[in-house]
Structures are given as structure tokens and as C-alpha cells.
Protein backbone atom coordinates (compact mmCIF):
# COMPACT_ATOMS: atom_id res chain seq x y z
CA MET A 1 -11.02 -15.57 19.48
CA SER A 2 -10.92 -12.84 22.00
CA GLY A 3 -12.51 -9.41 21.94
CA GLN A 4 -11.46 -6.13 23.47
CA LYS A 5 -11.35 -6.26 27.27
CA GLN A 6 -10.19 -3.71 29.84
CA GLY A 7 -8.63 -1.56 27.23
CA ILE A 8 -6.44 -4.32 25.82
CA VAL A 9 -6.79 -4.99 22.05
CA ASP A 10 -5.97 -8.32 20.51
CA VAL A 11 -3.49 -6.93 18.04
CA ALA A 12 -1.66 -3.59 17.66
CA ILE A 13 -0.19 -2.95 14.22
CA ILE A 14 2.63 -0.59 13.42
CA GLY A 15 2.29 0.90 9.98
CA ALA A 16 -0.67 1.19 7.59
CA GLY A 17 1.08 -0.03 4.46
CA PRO A 18 0.14 -3.14 2.42
CA ALA A 19 1.34 -5.56 5.08
CA GLY A 20 -0.10 -3.75 8.06
CA LEU A 21 -3.51 -3.08 6.48
CA THR A 22 -3.77 -6.65 5.06
CA ALA A 23 -3.29 -7.94 8.60
CA ALA A 24 -5.76 -5.40 9.99
CA TYR A 25 -8.34 -6.26 7.35
CA LEU A 26 -8.18 -10.03 7.89
CA LEU A 27 -8.11 -9.76 11.66
CA SER A 28 -11.11 -7.37 11.63
CA LYS A 29 -12.94 -9.75 9.33
CA ARG A 30 -12.39 -12.56 11.82
CA GLY A 31 -13.64 -10.44 14.76
CA TYR A 32 -10.42 -9.46 16.44
CA SER A 33 -9.95 -6.09 18.06
CA VAL A 34 -7.23 -4.17 16.22
CA THR A 35 -5.54 -0.79 16.48
CA VAL A 36 -3.26 0.41 13.64
CA ILE A 37 -0.85 3.38 14.04
CA GLU A 38 0.39 5.29 11.01
CA LYS A 39 2.76 8.28 11.16
CA ASP A 40 1.45 9.87 7.93
CA GLU A 41 -1.28 12.36 8.78
CA ARG A 42 -3.29 11.87 5.58
CA TYR A 43 -2.43 8.80 3.53
CA VAL A 44 -2.43 5.06 4.22
CA GLY A 45 -0.67 2.58 1.93
CA GLY A 46 2.95 3.38 2.70
CA ILE A 47 4.98 3.28 -0.48
CA SER A 48 1.82 1.98 -2.19
CA ARG A 49 -0.16 5.15 -1.34
CA THR A 50 -1.54 7.55 -3.95
CA VAL A 51 -0.83 11.22 -3.33
CA GLU A 52 -3.30 13.79 -4.73
CA VAL A 53 -2.48 17.41 -5.56
CA ASP A 54 -5.15 19.55 -7.24
CA GLY A 55 -6.85 16.48 -8.67
CA TYR A 56 -3.60 14.99 -10.03
CA ARG A 57 -2.76 11.60 -8.53
CA PHE A 58 0.77 10.27 -8.15
CA ASP A 59 1.75 6.64 -7.69
CA ILE A 60 4.87 6.42 -5.51
CA GLY A 61 7.06 4.14 -7.65
CA GLY A 62 4.50 2.44 -9.88
CA HIS A 63 2.54 -0.62 -8.63
CA ARG A 64 1.33 -3.26 -10.98
CA PHE A 65 -1.34 -5.53 -9.52
CA PHE A 66 -0.21 -9.01 -10.51
CA SER A 67 0.43 -12.06 -8.35
CA LYS A 68 0.76 -15.82 -8.81
CA SER A 69 -0.86 -16.26 -5.41
CA LYS A 70 -4.57 -17.04 -5.68
CA GLU A 71 -5.03 -15.88 -2.04
CA VAL A 72 -3.63 -12.46 -2.82
CA VAL A 73 -5.60 -12.04 -6.03
CA ASP A 74 -8.79 -13.11 -4.32
CA LEU A 75 -8.14 -10.59 -1.50
CA TRP A 76 -7.55 -7.77 -3.95
CA ASN A 77 -10.80 -8.60 -5.66
CA GLU A 78 -12.58 -8.75 -2.30
CA ILE A 79 -11.29 -5.42 -1.07
CA LEU A 80 -11.76 -3.57 -4.39
CA PRO A 81 -14.25 -5.55 -6.46
CA ASN A 82 -15.33 -2.97 -9.01
CA ASP A 83 -12.43 -0.54 -9.55
CA PHE A 84 -9.70 -2.46 -11.40
CA ILE A 85 -8.89 -1.56 -15.01
CA GLN A 86 -6.66 -3.51 -17.45
CA ARG A 87 -3.65 -1.50 -18.68
CA PRO A 88 -1.04 -2.17 -21.32
CA ARG A 89 2.52 -2.72 -20.04
CA MET A 90 5.29 -0.80 -21.68
CA SER A 91 8.69 0.38 -20.34
CA ARG A 92 11.89 1.29 -22.09
CA ILE A 93 15.46 2.40 -21.32
CA TYR A 94 16.66 5.82 -22.44
CA TYR A 95 20.33 6.11 -23.35
CA GLU A 96 22.04 8.91 -25.33
CA GLY A 97 18.85 10.02 -27.05
CA LYS A 98 17.61 6.53 -28.04
CA PHE A 99 15.05 4.23 -26.53
CA TYR A 100 15.71 0.55 -25.90
CA SER A 101 13.17 -2.09 -24.95
CA TYR A 102 13.02 -3.28 -21.38
CA PRO A 103 13.77 -6.05 -20.63
CA LEU A 104 16.72 -5.48 -22.90
CA ARG A 105 16.58 -6.99 -26.42
CA ALA A 106 20.23 -7.60 -27.10
CA PHE A 107 20.07 -7.51 -30.92
CA GLU A 108 18.04 -4.24 -30.85
CA ALA A 109 20.52 -2.79 -28.41
CA LEU A 110 23.54 -3.61 -30.53
CA PHE A 111 21.76 -2.24 -33.65
CA ASN A 112 20.93 1.05 -31.88
CA LEU A 113 24.49 1.49 -30.56
CA GLY A 114 25.99 1.51 -34.08
CA ILE A 115 28.66 -0.60 -35.73
CA VAL A 116 31.71 0.67 -33.82
CA ARG A 117 30.24 0.51 -30.34
CA SER A 118 28.48 -2.75 -31.11
CA THR A 119 31.73 -4.31 -32.18
CA LEU A 120 33.35 -3.19 -28.95
CA CYS A 121 30.48 -4.63 -27.00
CA MET A 122 30.70 -8.01 -28.70
CA ALA A 123 34.49 -8.09 -28.23
CA SER A 124 33.97 -7.33 -24.57
CA TYR A 125 31.38 -10.02 -24.35
CA VAL A 126 33.59 -12.64 -25.98
CA LYS A 127 36.43 -11.72 -23.62
CA ALA A 128 34.18 -12.10 -20.57
CA LYS A 129 33.05 -15.53 -21.73
CA ALA A 130 36.59 -16.66 -22.54
CA PHE A 131 38.10 -15.34 -19.33
CA PRO A 132 35.25 -15.12 -16.70
CA ASN A 133 35.84 -13.92 -13.19
CA THR A 134 35.82 -17.05 -11.06
CA LYS A 135 35.47 -15.23 -7.73
CA VAL A 136 32.15 -13.49 -8.23
CA ARG A 137 31.14 -11.37 -5.22
CA SER A 138 29.67 -8.14 -6.53
CA PHE A 139 27.01 -6.87 -8.89
CA GLU A 140 29.77 -5.73 -11.24
CA ASP A 141 31.49 -9.15 -11.26
CA TRP A 142 28.27 -10.99 -12.01
CA THR A 143 27.03 -8.60 -14.74
CA VAL A 144 30.38 -8.31 -16.52
CA ASN A 145 30.56 -12.11 -16.62
CA GLN A 146 27.15 -12.26 -18.26
CA PHE A 147 27.43 -9.34 -20.75
CA GLY A 148 30.97 -8.07 -20.91
CA HIS A 149 32.27 -4.85 -19.41
CA LYS A 150 31.15 -2.60 -22.25
CA LEU A 151 27.43 -3.53 -22.14
CA TYR A 152 27.58 -3.56 -18.34
CA SER A 153 28.83 0.04 -18.29
CA ILE A 154 26.14 1.18 -20.71
CA PHE A 155 23.01 -0.61 -19.52
CA PHE A 156 23.59 -1.58 -15.91
CA LYS A 157 26.21 0.52 -14.05
CA THR A 158 24.76 4.07 -14.33
CA TYR A 159 21.13 3.29 -13.41
CA THR A 160 22.02 0.81 -10.66
CA GLU A 161 24.37 3.25 -8.95
CA LYS A 162 21.71 6.00 -9.21
CA VAL A 163 19.21 3.78 -7.48
CA TRP A 164 21.41 2.45 -4.75
CA GLY A 165 23.93 5.28 -4.19
CA MET A 166 26.85 2.87 -3.99
CA PRO A 167 29.45 1.53 -6.46
CA CYS A 168 28.45 -1.63 -8.27
CA ASP A 169 31.62 -3.30 -7.07
CA GLU A 170 30.36 -2.94 -3.48
CA MET A 171 26.94 -4.34 -4.14
CA SER A 172 26.29 -8.02 -3.56
CA ALA A 173 25.95 -10.31 -6.57
CA ASP A 174 22.60 -11.70 -5.44
CA TRP A 175 20.97 -8.43 -6.58
CA ALA A 176 22.17 -8.92 -10.15
CA ALA A 177 21.36 -12.64 -10.16
CA GLN A 178 17.73 -12.07 -9.18
CA ARG A 179 17.07 -8.90 -11.20
CA ILE A 180 18.63 -9.94 -14.59
CA LYS A 181 17.39 -13.45 -15.15
CA GLY A 182 16.82 -15.31 -18.36
CA LEU A 183 18.65 -13.00 -20.82
CA SER A 184 21.41 -14.62 -22.80
CA LEU A 185 23.24 -12.12 -24.96
CA GLY A 186 24.59 -14.68 -27.34
CA ALA A 187 21.22 -16.43 -27.83
CA ALA A 188 19.50 -13.06 -28.31
CA VAL A 189 21.99 -11.89 -30.94
CA ILE A 190 21.66 -15.14 -32.87
CA ASP A 191 17.86 -14.85 -32.63
CA GLY A 192 18.11 -11.32 -33.99
CA LEU A 193 20.17 -12.47 -36.96
CA LYS A 194 17.64 -15.18 -37.67
CA ARG A 195 14.88 -12.62 -37.65
CA SER A 196 16.74 -10.33 -40.00
CA LEU A 197 16.90 -13.30 -42.44
CA GLY A 198 13.24 -14.16 -41.85
CA LEU A 199 14.09 -17.48 -40.17
CA ASN A 200 12.35 -16.82 -36.82
CA LYS A 201 8.98 -15.17 -36.47
CA LYS A 202 8.28 -15.83 -32.80
CA PRO A 203 7.68 -12.79 -30.57
CA ASN A 204 11.03 -11.27 -29.72
CA ASP A 205 11.35 -10.31 -26.07
CA GLY A 206 14.99 -11.38 -25.95
CA MET A 207 14.19 -13.92 -23.25
CA GLU A 208 13.49 -17.50 -24.28
CA THR A 209 12.80 -18.73 -20.79
CA LYS A 210 9.68 -16.70 -19.93
CA THR A 211 6.91 -14.60 -21.32
CA LEU A 212 6.55 -11.14 -19.80
CA LEU A 213 3.25 -9.65 -18.93
CA GLU A 214 1.76 -7.51 -21.71
CA THR A 215 -1.00 -6.06 -19.58
CA PHE A 216 -1.71 -5.65 -15.90
CA ARG A 217 -4.52 -4.68 -13.60
CA TYR A 218 -4.48 -1.41 -11.82
CA PRO A 219 -6.93 0.49 -9.57
CA ARG A 220 -8.43 3.27 -11.65
CA LEU A 221 -7.46 5.98 -9.09
CA GLY A 222 -4.10 4.47 -8.14
CA PRO A 223 -2.95 1.85 -5.63
CA GLY A 224 -3.94 4.02 -2.67
CA MET A 225 -7.55 3.24 -3.60
CA MET A 226 -6.94 -0.32 -2.43
CA TRP A 227 -5.58 0.72 0.96
CA ASP A 228 -8.21 3.42 1.51
CA ALA A 229 -10.85 0.67 1.09
CA ALA A 230 -9.01 -1.68 3.47
CA ARG A 231 -8.79 1.10 6.09
CA ASP A 232 -12.50 1.88 5.72
CA PHE A 233 -13.37 -1.78 6.28
CA VAL A 234 -11.24 -1.92 9.43
CA VAL A 235 -12.91 1.16 10.85
CA ALA A 236 -16.38 -0.04 9.85
CA LYS A 237 -15.73 -3.16 11.97
CA GLY A 238 -15.27 -0.96 15.03
CA ASN A 239 -11.49 -0.97 14.96
CA HIS A 240 -9.07 1.93 14.77
CA VAL A 241 -6.53 3.38 12.32
CA LEU A 242 -4.76 6.23 14.08
CA MET A 243 -3.20 8.68 11.63
CA GLY A 244 -0.39 11.01 12.53
CA HIS A 245 0.89 8.63 15.20
CA SER A 246 4.63 7.89 15.20
CA PHE A 247 5.93 4.72 16.83
CA LYS A 248 7.83 5.68 20.04
CA GLN A 249 8.36 2.67 22.31
CA LEU A 250 7.38 -0.97 22.75
CA ALA A 251 7.59 -2.93 26.01
CA GLN A 252 6.15 -6.14 27.45
CA ASP A 253 4.67 -6.38 30.94
CA ALA A 254 4.94 -9.25 33.41
CA LYS A 255 1.80 -10.87 32.03
CA GLY A 256 3.17 -10.82 28.46
CA ASN A 257 0.98 -8.03 27.21
CA TRP A 258 2.47 -5.24 25.08
CA ARG A 259 2.50 -1.54 25.84
CA LEU A 260 2.90 0.44 22.59
CA SER A 261 3.34 4.17 22.82
CA ALA A 262 3.04 6.56 19.87
CA THR A 263 3.67 10.24 19.55
CA LYS A 264 0.80 12.21 18.03
CA ALA A 265 1.15 14.96 15.42
CA ASP A 266 0.15 17.57 18.07
CA GLY A 267 2.91 16.42 20.36
CA GLY A 268 0.68 14.30 22.67
CA GLU A 269 1.05 10.58 23.26
CA THR A 270 -1.15 7.56 22.75
CA VAL A 271 -0.63 4.31 24.62
CA ILE A 272 -2.02 1.04 23.34
CA GLN A 273 -2.09 -2.25 25.22
CA ALA A 274 -2.23 -5.37 23.09
CA ARG A 275 -1.75 -9.14 23.25
CA HIS A 276 0.08 -9.27 19.95
CA VAL A 277 2.06 -6.73 18.01
CA ILE A 278 2.56 -6.79 14.23
CA SER A 279 5.40 -4.52 13.12
CA SER A 280 5.98 -3.31 9.56
CA ALA A 281 8.30 -0.61 10.86
CA PRO A 282 11.88 -0.78 9.61
CA MET A 283 13.79 -3.40 11.58
CA ARG A 284 16.32 -0.73 12.58
CA GLU A 285 13.57 1.40 14.16
CA LEU A 286 11.87 -1.53 15.84
CA SER A 287 15.12 -2.59 17.45
CA ALA A 288 15.83 0.89 18.78
CA ARG A 289 12.37 1.27 20.32
CA ILE A 290 11.97 -2.04 22.12
CA HIS A 291 12.51 -1.86 25.85
CA PRO A 292 14.82 -3.28 26.99
CA LEU A 293 17.07 -2.92 23.98
CA PRO A 294 17.77 -6.20 22.15
CA GLN A 295 21.29 -7.60 22.26
CA THR A 296 21.27 -7.32 18.45
CA SER A 297 20.44 -3.60 18.42
CA LEU A 298 23.97 -2.95 17.08
CA GLU A 299 23.43 -5.29 14.14
CA ALA A 300 20.06 -3.70 13.47
CA SER A 301 21.59 -0.19 13.56
CA ASN A 302 23.83 -1.24 10.66
CA LEU A 303 20.90 -1.94 8.34
CA LYS A 304 20.76 0.64 5.57
CA TYR A 305 17.95 2.06 3.48
CA ARG A 306 17.69 3.94 0.22
CA ASP A 307 15.18 6.83 -0.06
CA PHE A 308 13.75 8.55 -3.12
CA LEU A 309 11.58 11.43 -4.12
CA THR A 310 9.21 12.01 -6.99
CA VAL A 311 8.97 15.33 -8.79
CA ALA A 312 5.63 15.47 -10.61
CA LEU A 313 5.37 17.84 -13.54
CA MET A 314 2.13 18.91 -15.21
CA ILE A 315 2.92 19.65 -18.89
CA LYS A 316 0.81 21.15 -21.67
CA SER A 317 0.51 18.06 -23.91
CA ASP A 318 -2.03 15.36 -24.51
CA ASP A 319 0.69 12.85 -23.86
CA LEU A 320 4.46 12.71 -24.04
CA PHE A 321 5.23 9.02 -24.49
CA PRO A 322 3.26 5.77 -24.31
CA ASP A 323 5.40 4.05 -21.63
CA ASN A 324 4.24 3.46 -18.09
CA TRP A 325 7.81 4.39 -17.10
CA ILE A 326 11.22 4.98 -18.68
CA TYR A 327 14.53 4.01 -17.10
CA ILE A 328 17.11 6.78 -17.55
CA HIS A 329 20.54 5.25 -18.18
CA ASP A 330 22.29 8.58 -18.77
CA SER A 331 24.95 10.07 -16.53
CA LYS A 332 24.21 13.64 -17.71
CA VAL A 333 21.12 13.78 -15.51
CA LYS A 334 20.33 12.74 -11.90
CA VAL A 335 16.82 11.41 -12.58
CA GLY A 336 16.68 7.61 -12.54
CA ARG A 337 13.17 6.88 -13.86
CA VAL A 338 10.26 8.82 -15.32
CA GLN A 339 6.67 7.69 -14.69
CA ASN A 340 3.81 8.58 -17.05
CA PHE A 341 0.78 8.63 -14.79
CA ARG A 342 -1.82 8.70 -17.58
CA SER A 343 -0.38 5.46 -18.94
CA TRP A 344 -1.01 3.87 -15.57
CA SER A 345 -4.61 5.14 -15.54
CA PRO A 346 -6.28 7.93 -17.50
CA GLU A 347 -8.19 8.82 -14.33
CA MET A 348 -4.96 9.80 -12.57
CA VAL A 349 -4.82 12.91 -14.73
CA PRO A 350 -7.97 15.04 -14.70
CA ASP A 351 -7.24 17.33 -17.66
CA PRO A 352 -6.87 15.62 -21.09
CA SER A 353 -4.81 18.49 -22.38
CA ILE A 354 -2.17 18.12 -19.61
CA ALA A 355 0.31 15.29 -19.31
CA CYS A 356 1.53 14.43 -15.85
CA VAL A 357 4.88 12.71 -15.30
CA GLY A 358 6.85 11.84 -12.24
CA LEU A 359 10.66 12.07 -12.23
CA GLU A 360 12.12 9.79 -9.58
CA TYR A 361 15.35 10.77 -7.85
CA PHE A 362 17.04 8.20 -5.64
CA CYS A 363 18.81 9.64 -2.64
CA PHE A 364 19.58 9.31 1.04
CA GLU A 365 17.49 11.12 3.63
CA GLY A 366 19.26 14.30 4.49
CA ASP A 367 21.57 14.53 1.46
CA GLY A 368 21.63 17.40 -1.06
CA LEU A 369 18.70 16.16 -3.17
CA TRP A 370 16.51 15.22 -0.25
CA SER A 371 17.12 18.56 1.51
CA SER A 372 16.51 20.69 -1.58
CA SER A 373 13.45 22.91 -1.60
CA ASP A 374 10.38 21.79 -3.58
CA ALA A 375 10.87 24.78 -5.90
CA ASP A 376 14.48 23.89 -6.63
CA LEU A 377 13.54 20.26 -7.29
CA VAL A 378 10.83 21.28 -9.73
CA GLU A 379 13.32 23.46 -11.59
CA LEU A 380 15.81 20.60 -11.67
CA ALA A 381 13.16 18.31 -13.12
CA LYS A 382 12.20 20.80 -15.80
CA LYS A 383 15.87 21.24 -16.75
CA GLU A 384 16.53 17.51 -16.95
CA MET A 385 13.41 16.82 -19.03
CA ALA A 386 14.81 19.37 -21.52
CA ILE A 387 18.21 17.72 -21.55
CA LEU A 388 16.54 14.37 -22.26
CA GLY A 389 14.48 15.99 -25.01
CA LEU A 390 11.23 14.80 -23.42
CA CYS A 391 9.57 18.21 -23.09
CA ASN A 392 9.98 21.99 -23.42
CA PRO A 393 10.33 23.59 -19.97
CA GLU A 394 8.08 26.38 -21.10
CA ASP A 395 5.20 23.90 -21.38
CA VAL A 396 5.37 23.00 -17.70
CA VAL A 397 2.36 24.49 -15.89
CA GLY A 398 2.76 22.95 -12.46
CA GLY A 399 4.84 20.77 -10.18
CA ALA A 400 4.80 18.96 -6.84
CA VAL A 401 7.31 16.92 -4.82
CA VAL A 402 6.63 13.71 -2.87
CA ARG A 403 9.35 12.33 -0.59
CA GLN A 404 9.55 8.63 0.36
CA GLU A 405 11.93 7.66 3.12
CA LYS A 406 13.24 4.09 3.46
CA ALA A 407 11.86 3.04 0.10
CA TYR A 408 14.39 0.27 -0.42
CA PRO A 409 16.18 -1.92 2.11
CA VAL A 410 19.83 -2.01 1.03
CA TYR A 411 21.42 -5.37 0.30
CA ASP A 412 25.04 -4.82 1.30
CA ASP A 413 27.44 -7.57 2.25
CA SER A 414 26.44 -7.63 5.90
CA TYR A 415 22.63 -7.22 5.75
CA ALA A 416 21.81 -10.93 5.75
CA ALA A 417 23.77 -11.65 8.94
CA ASN A 418 22.35 -8.53 10.66
CA VAL A 419 18.72 -9.45 9.75
CA GLU A 420 19.21 -13.04 10.82
CA ALA A 421 20.67 -12.02 14.18
CA MET A 422 17.78 -9.70 14.99
CA ARG A 423 15.17 -12.11 13.73
CA SER A 424 16.50 -14.95 15.80
CA GLU A 425 16.66 -12.95 18.97
CA LEU A 426 13.23 -11.23 18.69
CA GLU A 427 11.30 -14.29 17.49
CA GLY A 428 12.94 -16.44 20.17
CA LYS A 429 12.28 -14.01 22.96
CA TYR A 430 8.88 -12.59 21.94
CA PRO A 431 6.47 -15.14 20.38
CA THR A 432 3.68 -12.52 20.19
CA LEU A 433 5.84 -10.02 18.24
CA HIS A 434 5.56 -10.42 14.44
CA MET A 435 7.68 -8.68 11.80
CA VAL A 436 6.05 -8.33 8.32
CA GLY A 437 6.41 -6.54 5.06
CA ARG A 438 9.21 -4.91 3.13
CA ASN A 439 10.82 -2.82 5.86
CA GLY A 440 9.59 -4.96 8.74
CA MET A 441 11.68 -7.83 7.40
CA HIS A 442 14.31 -5.75 5.50
CA ARG A 443 13.50 -7.51 2.25
CA TYR A 444 13.01 -5.91 -1.14
CA ASN A 445 9.77 -7.72 -1.89
CA ASN A 446 6.80 -6.85 -4.00
CA GLN A 447 3.45 -5.67 -2.78
CA ASP A 448 1.86 -9.11 -3.03
CA HIS A 449 4.76 -10.72 -1.09
CA ALA A 450 4.40 -8.12 1.66
CA MET A 451 0.70 -8.96 1.85
CA MET A 452 1.44 -12.69 2.01
CA THR A 453 3.72 -12.20 5.03
CA ALA A 454 0.80 -10.53 6.74
CA MET A 455 -1.67 -13.17 5.70
CA LEU A 456 0.51 -15.95 7.10
CA THR A 457 1.05 -13.95 10.31
CA VAL A 458 -2.69 -13.74 10.83
CA GLU A 459 -2.84 -17.56 10.50
CA ASN A 460 -0.04 -17.87 13.06
CA ILE A 461 -1.89 -15.56 15.52
CA GLU A 462 -5.06 -17.54 15.18
CA ALA A 463 -3.17 -20.82 15.58
CA GLY A 464 -1.34 -19.52 18.63
CA ALA A 465 2.06 -20.63 17.17
CA ARG A 466 4.37 -19.93 14.32
CA VAL A 467 2.86 -22.60 12.10
CA TYR A 468 3.92 -20.78 8.91
CA ASN A 469 7.43 -19.52 8.25
CA ILE A 470 6.82 -16.08 6.69
CA TRP A 471 10.52 -15.74 5.93
CA ASN A 472 10.06 -18.23 3.12
CA VAL A 473 7.90 -15.89 1.13
CA ASN A 474 9.79 -15.32 -2.11
CA GLU A 475 10.88 -11.76 -3.12
CA ASP A 476 12.32 -12.80 -6.47
CA ALA A 477 11.61 -10.09 -9.07
CA GLU A 478 10.97 -12.63 -11.85
CA TYR A 479 7.98 -13.85 -9.82
CA HIS A 480 6.29 -10.53 -10.66
CA GLU A 481 7.11 -10.63 -14.31
CA ALA A 482 6.09 -14.02 -15.64
CA GLY A 483 3.43 -16.68 -15.53
CA ASP A 484 -0.34 -16.63 -14.97
CA GLU A 485 -2.13 -14.62 -12.34
CA GLY A 486 -3.31 -16.67 -9.44
CA GLU A 487 -1.76 -19.87 -10.79
CA GLN A 488 -0.64 -21.04 -7.38
CA GLU A 489 -3.68 -22.50 -5.73
CA LYS A 490 -2.12 -22.45 -2.33
CA ILE A 491 1.35 -21.06 -1.73
CA VAL A 492 1.55 -21.24 2.05
CA VAL A 493 4.04 -23.73 3.48
CA LYS A 494 4.26 -25.12 7.00
CA VAL A 495 7.65 -25.04 8.54
CA THR A 496 7.65 -28.83 8.89
CA GLU A 497 6.85 -29.41 5.19
CA ASP A 498 9.08 -29.35 2.13
CA GLN A 499 9.54 -25.88 0.73
CA ALA A 500 7.54 -25.06 -2.37
CA ALA A 501 9.26 -23.18 -5.27
CA ALA A 502 6.79 -20.32 -5.06
CA LEU A 503 7.93 -19.56 -1.54
CA THR A 504 11.54 -20.61 -1.37
CA SER A 505 13.87 -17.65 -1.18
CA GLU A 506 17.34 -19.14 -0.59
CA ARG A 507 19.68 -16.56 -2.06
CA ASP A 508 23.43 -16.34 -2.67
CA VAL A 509 24.76 -13.33 -0.71
CA PRO A 510 28.53 -13.04 -1.20
CA THR A 511 30.46 -11.08 1.39
CA ARG A 512 33.54 -8.99 0.75
CA VAL A 513 36.46 -11.28 -0.13
CA THR A 514 39.29 -10.70 2.31
CA SER A 515 41.20 -13.93 1.71
CA ALA A 516 41.10 -17.01 -0.41
CA ALA A 517 39.17 -18.79 2.34
CA ASP A 518 36.44 -16.20 2.06
CA ALA A 519 36.04 -16.40 -1.71
CA GLU A 520 33.03 -18.73 -1.64
CA PRO A 521 29.61 -17.05 -1.53
CA ARG A 522 27.58 -17.49 1.62
CA LYS A 523 23.97 -18.73 1.51
CA ILE A 524 21.20 -17.67 3.83
CA ASP A 525 19.83 -20.64 5.74
CA LYS A 526 16.29 -21.11 4.48
CA ALA A 527 15.18 -23.29 7.34
CA ALA A 528 12.87 -21.92 10.02
């Protein structure tokens, strides 16, 4: 273990999100010298930060604290031992003035849709099962095969295209396969009929294969509370978290040490010398800022991201609805999801007579929504809440806008090859450069998975070799929905060992079909 000598720190970390601060926390705990740079001038936590306006706190996207990893759960408890609360989990889908359980309960959905539309849905489902598409490559192909075209168009197409800003027939099928697991329409309808006859009294979640969480833990002042505490620990150990510092350039000298430069908010520049660099910056940005440019910079430049913004409204009402969030499957409005911050934690909302909700709009940085003024976005949110029948615009007493760039790495049909090309080059050329986290690895993983990539990276730094393959950390959404917290006693896997189910993330990623020879889906190599 080495300390700080001649201005060289042991580890420089790009980004103070969950991955970056987890690494900084663990390295500081073990006595390493660490400097973290973060471009936000006020908040740490990245997409897991909590923004505060006039005492109202906004969670950027909604972050449930649940993990099967005992290491992650233990670390959460260590960083924030006395501030977790247990909250009920509830979310629904809104479609044409009615609410549907989420995950979807097929029998309930058919009942709410009415006889005529339900008949069309079932006919469409039967047709899909009788004549399935045998060359599945897109989200649309996969979902129509599972549910029929009618239910796909009602419950999957509109919301998915709002989130990702691309047609469902251009989105890879792996996204559907990992997001919509365990629901069998036929089994759920039969189950519903049994219930109507009193023949089945088991809890009906529409999903026989797993039990969804009914409650979850949550920091009482939002997820940013966790990362504020991690930052404070790092600083208390004599290390540095430099706010308002934007990553500018990264280069390695003849001795193998790194020179990391960052532009300060006031226009100045900070230079950090380090033996190791951990990057949670988007892969596209990392590639463009390494000197000399990697050969795979072109592949990295093709990686895409989806951005979003939250419009928070303060509304005269003790509460509007009990859900933590509502998915809006309605083409009449642009909003994709509505968060209810009091349902996450009562302490997020300081006035009991005021409800605070966050309308989430998915967009691309620089497009019409992103570039709209805050005032125009607040007016749009008020109008759409009225269209949805969720509140009277006259009851809105305040509003605020929070923008989040690069919220979601886009899984198009070339992302896997582009990521693998950059990963292979950088890891092969630079053994002391480590990519971690959601954007650092261009993987749509959960907060605990991002943390695990950082935890394994710290182990690799201490070992002086890539003992653990962080690319095997699983980002499967079902992982976050089912099972017991902390049930995996140890979920780290050495490269030379067999891969454990909790970490394996081999995924089917079909590419565009251009000929019969290309019709088979391509799998990512899960080997190190």
C-alpha cells in the first residue's frame, strides 16, 4: 500500500457517482491516497443524487435500495447506519384513464380494457402463438411473439419509445427479454379465471416464477444522503473530492503514471498525477480524452445515450396517489413516468399540505424538450397532469426542473461490438486504467451493480492484477425485483473460476438482419 508521494496520488477517480464514490470510500478506508473529480458544482451521487429546492427533495429517477449482494448491503449499512426507512412498494401503469398493476396482471388488464378490446387482444395473442416470428431481432418482434400485437401496442410500444426515442422495431430484442421476464399471458388469464371461480386464492402478481418486493429500504432524505456520507468519509480521511471539475484529458508518462487534467468551473485547470485511474465517465468521453487517441475512438464515438429531465411540481394536496411512481402509457402526453416523492419518503416533502411529484420526460440532449426553458417545462407538466386527470393546474404552487444527461446507455444493434472493441484495446494497453459503473462500462445496470464493479476494481488494484472480471457483474433487471436481500454470501468471481449465476451476464444481442446468414442472434462473449 502506497501513500501520497511527490504530488502523485495512488488513484484518481473520474466521477462522484455510486461507482466512483464506492471506490473512493473503500480505497480511503484502506489508506490509499485518492482524488475524485466531479463536474457538478454542488451534488455528488450522479444519477443517484438528491436535488433540493426550497426544502423539497427530488430523487432523479427513483432508487430503491435492494441488493442480493451481501457485500453491497453491508456497505450501505456501514456508510449510512442510522438513516434507512422501510417503504411500501407500489407502481402502476396509466392508460386511457385507468390504472393497471405493474408488473402487468394479464387478467386484470383484459378486464379493464373491456369485452371488445379484450377479445381483440386475445385473438392477437392466439395468432402470435400460432404463427410466431421465427427471426426475432427487435424489441417489437420479441414482445409481439409473447403477447400478440394488440397488447404490445397498448402496454409496451408507447412507453418504450418514449423512454428510448427510437422505434421498437430498431431496438434489440435483448432489452425485451431481460425487462419482461416471467409473465405468461395464457397462464395469467387462466389464473384469473380460476380466481373468479374461487379456485385459486394465492397472491396474484401475474408472475408464477417469482415474488416481487413489497417493501424496500430507502434513505430518509433520498439516495443523495448515501453519497454525501461517502464523500464526507473520503474527505475526513485526508483525500479530496473536487467539485466543479470537468474531465479534460488523460495521458500516461514514460514511467506509467497518469496525468489527469480537469477544467474548473471558473475556467482554470487542475492537473492530477496518479498511479491508477478509475473512470466512471461515459466510454465515449473517455475515448475522446485519452492521449493519444485510441484506435477504437471511432467505435466509441458511435455509442449513444438517452437523457431525461424531471419537472417537479408542488401541488396543494395532502397526497395525489399512493404509488411510488406511475408509468404513463398514453400517447396524448409526452411525460413517461410520474414520481410521488412523499411515497418514497415523507421527509422528502417538508409541508404536509403540499404534494410533490416529478414528471419525467425522456429526451436527447439538445432536442426541443431539453432546450425548453424551465418555465415552459413547468407549464407543460401542469397541462399534462390536467390531461391525465391527476391534478388541477390551479392547485400547482411551485415547480422546478432537473436535467440529467446520459441517463441511459442505449442498446442499439452495434453497441456490444463497439463496447467490446474499446474495452479490449484500453484494458490491453493500460492495466492501470479501470472502467466502472453504468456509463463507464456502457451498461444499463442498477446502483448496486455499479457499486460492485467498483468494489471488484478496488480488489484488483490492491492485488496488482485484474483478478476479478468486473464485466461479469450482472445488470439483469429481474435481479433487482426478486429474492432475498443479501442472499448471496459472496458474489465475486475470479476470471479463472466458473461463472456464478449472480454475476453471469451473457446476453443475446441480435443485430439488424441483412441476409438469411445474419438471421441468428449474436451473443456477447462472457469470457474475460
